[in-house]
Amino acid sequence: MICFSWQALPSATSYRLLFTLPTGAQVSFDTPNTSLTRYIESFTLGGRYTWQVTALDASGAPLCASLPFAFEKPAYTPPPTQRPKKDDGSNGGSGAGTDDSDDWDDDSGPIDG
């Protein structure tokens, strides 16, 4: 988890966090609180992110904005998926599936029925 926080502005009723992703795309979140917590995995791209807070009044008009803050994050790499192992009978199984024609890794092409 990563927490973004800032000092309250007495005349503000809410705040807008603006994130700029490494691609230049922007995402914003509005909150009445002085912090916002996100899972770091939600920042999937690797690279430099910036974030900036704008204080808003009751009508949603900006009162003032912070300077941008920046952080770097490596790209998210999902864990490798494990393929099921064939039952060779060594751990009490039937041994079904030990025939080479039932090979999980057979990439010989499509199966025609």
Protein backbone atom coordinates (compact mmCIF):
# COMPACT_ATOMS: atom_id res chain seq x y z
CA MET A 1 0.00 0.00 0.00
CA ILE A 2 1.12 3.53 -0.68
CA CYS A 3 -0.37 6.55 1.09
CA PHE A 4 -0.42 10.02 -0.43
CA SER A 5 -1.06 12.71 2.19
CA TRP A 6 -1.00 16.50 2.52
CA GLN A 7 -1.80 19.34 4.90
CA ALA A 8 -5.41 20.53 5.14
CA LEU A 9 -6.39 23.94 3.81
CA PRO A 10 -9.03 25.39 6.21
CA SER A 11 -11.27 26.78 3.44
CA ALA A 12 -11.15 23.57 1.33
CA THR A 13 -14.05 21.12 1.38
CA SER A 14 -12.35 18.53 -0.85
CA TYR A 15 -9.14 17.78 -2.68
CA ARG A 16 -8.29 16.52 -6.15
CA LEU A 17 -5.26 14.30 -6.63
CA LEU A 18 -3.92 14.32 -10.15
CA PHE A 19 -1.57 11.52 -11.14
CA THR A 20 0.50 11.71 -14.32
CA LEU A 21 1.61 8.28 -15.50
CA PRO A 22 4.89 7.55 -17.29
CA THR A 23 2.96 7.62 -20.59
CA GLY A 24 1.74 11.18 -19.92
CA ALA A 25 -1.85 10.03 -19.32
CA GLN A 26 -3.54 11.59 -16.30
CA VAL A 27 -5.90 10.13 -13.70
CA SER A 28 -7.59 12.10 -10.92
CA PHE A 29 -9.36 11.23 -7.67
CA ASP A 30 -11.52 13.57 -5.56
CA THR A 31 -11.66 13.07 -1.80
CA PRO A 32 -12.82 15.03 1.26
CA ASN A 33 -9.84 13.60 3.19
CA THR A 34 -6.22 14.73 3.42
CA SER A 35 -4.88 11.36 2.29
CA LEU A 36 -5.49 8.71 -0.33
CA THR A 37 -4.24 5.13 -0.12
CA ARG A 38 -3.75 2.82 -3.10
CA TYR A 39 -2.16 -0.56 -3.71
CA ILE A 40 1.22 -0.05 -5.33
CA GLU A 41 0.25 -2.76 -7.85
CA SER A 42 -2.37 -0.38 -9.24
CA PHE A 43 0.57 1.58 -10.69
CA THR A 44 1.34 -1.09 -13.27
CA LEU A 45 3.73 0.79 -15.52
CA GLY A 46 7.37 1.19 -14.72
CA GLY A 47 8.79 4.68 -14.74
CA ARG A 48 8.29 8.12 -13.26
CA TYR A 49 4.92 9.10 -11.81
CA THR A 50 3.96 12.55 -10.58
CA TRP A 51 1.11 13.56 -8.30
CA GLN A 52 -0.31 16.92 -7.37
CA VAL A 53 -3.02 18.03 -4.94
CA THR A 54 -5.52 20.80 -5.66
CA ALA A 55 -7.69 22.13 -2.83
CA LEU A 56 -11.32 22.71 -3.88
CA ASP A 57 -14.02 24.90 -2.35
CA ALA A 58 -17.66 23.85 -1.80
CA SER A 59 -18.56 24.55 -5.44
CA GLY A 60 -15.59 22.50 -6.71
CA ALA A 61 -13.59 25.53 -7.78
CA PRO A 62 -9.82 25.28 -7.24
CA LEU A 63 -8.38 27.29 -4.34
CA CYS A 64 -4.70 26.41 -4.74
CA ALA A 65 -2.48 23.58 -5.94
CA SER A 66 0.68 21.98 -4.67
CA LEU A 67 3.84 21.63 -6.68
CA PRO A 68 4.09 18.18 -8.29
CA PHE A 69 5.71 15.37 -6.33
CA ALA A 70 7.40 12.50 -8.15
CA PHE A 71 8.25 8.87 -7.53
CA GLU A 72 9.78 6.06 -9.57
CA LYS A 73 8.45 2.54 -9.72
CA PRO A 74 9.66 -0.56 -11.54
CA ALA A 75 7.17 -2.23 -13.88
CA TYR A 76 4.84 -4.77 -12.30
CA THR A 77 5.74 -8.31 -13.30
CA PRO A 78 3.00 -10.84 -12.59
CA PRO A 79 4.16 -14.12 -11.08
CA PRO A 80 4.60 -16.92 -13.62
CA THR A 81 1.67 -19.27 -13.96
CA GLN A 82 2.32 -22.91 -13.25
CA ARG A 83 0.97 -25.50 -15.62
CA PRO A 84 -0.47 -28.62 -13.99
CA LYS A 85 1.95 -31.52 -13.92
CA LYS A 86 1.07 -34.79 -15.54
CA ASP A 87 0.30 -37.69 -13.23
CA ASP A 88 3.12 -40.20 -13.67
CA GLY A 89 1.83 -42.48 -10.90
CA SER A 90 4.75 -41.71 -8.54
CA ASN A 91 2.57 -40.11 -5.85
CA GLY A 92 -0.22 -42.64 -5.68
CA GLY A 93 -2.08 -41.47 -8.78
CA SER A 94 -3.27 -43.73 -11.55
CA GLY A 95 -0.44 -42.80 -13.86
CA ALA A 96 -2.95 -41.82 -16.51
CA GLY A 97 -1.51 -39.21 -18.76
CA THR A 98 1.96 -40.73 -19.00
CA ASP A 99 1.39 -41.60 -22.64
CA ASP A 100 3.39 -39.24 -24.90
CA SER A 101 0.28 -38.62 -27.02
CA ASP A 102 -1.16 -36.80 -23.98
CA ASP A 103 1.83 -34.41 -23.78
CA TRP A 104 0.89 -31.02 -22.22
CA ASP A 105 3.60 -29.27 -24.21
CA ASP A 106 2.73 -30.72 -27.61
CA ASP A 107 2.68 -27.72 -29.93
CA SER A 108 2.24 -29.72 -33.11
CA GLY A 109 -0.80 -27.71 -34.14
CA PRO A 110 -4.57 -27.87 -33.89
CA ILE A 111 -6.37 -31.08 -33.06
CA ASP A 112 -8.72 -32.14 -35.83
CA GLY A 113 -11.72 -34.24 -34.75
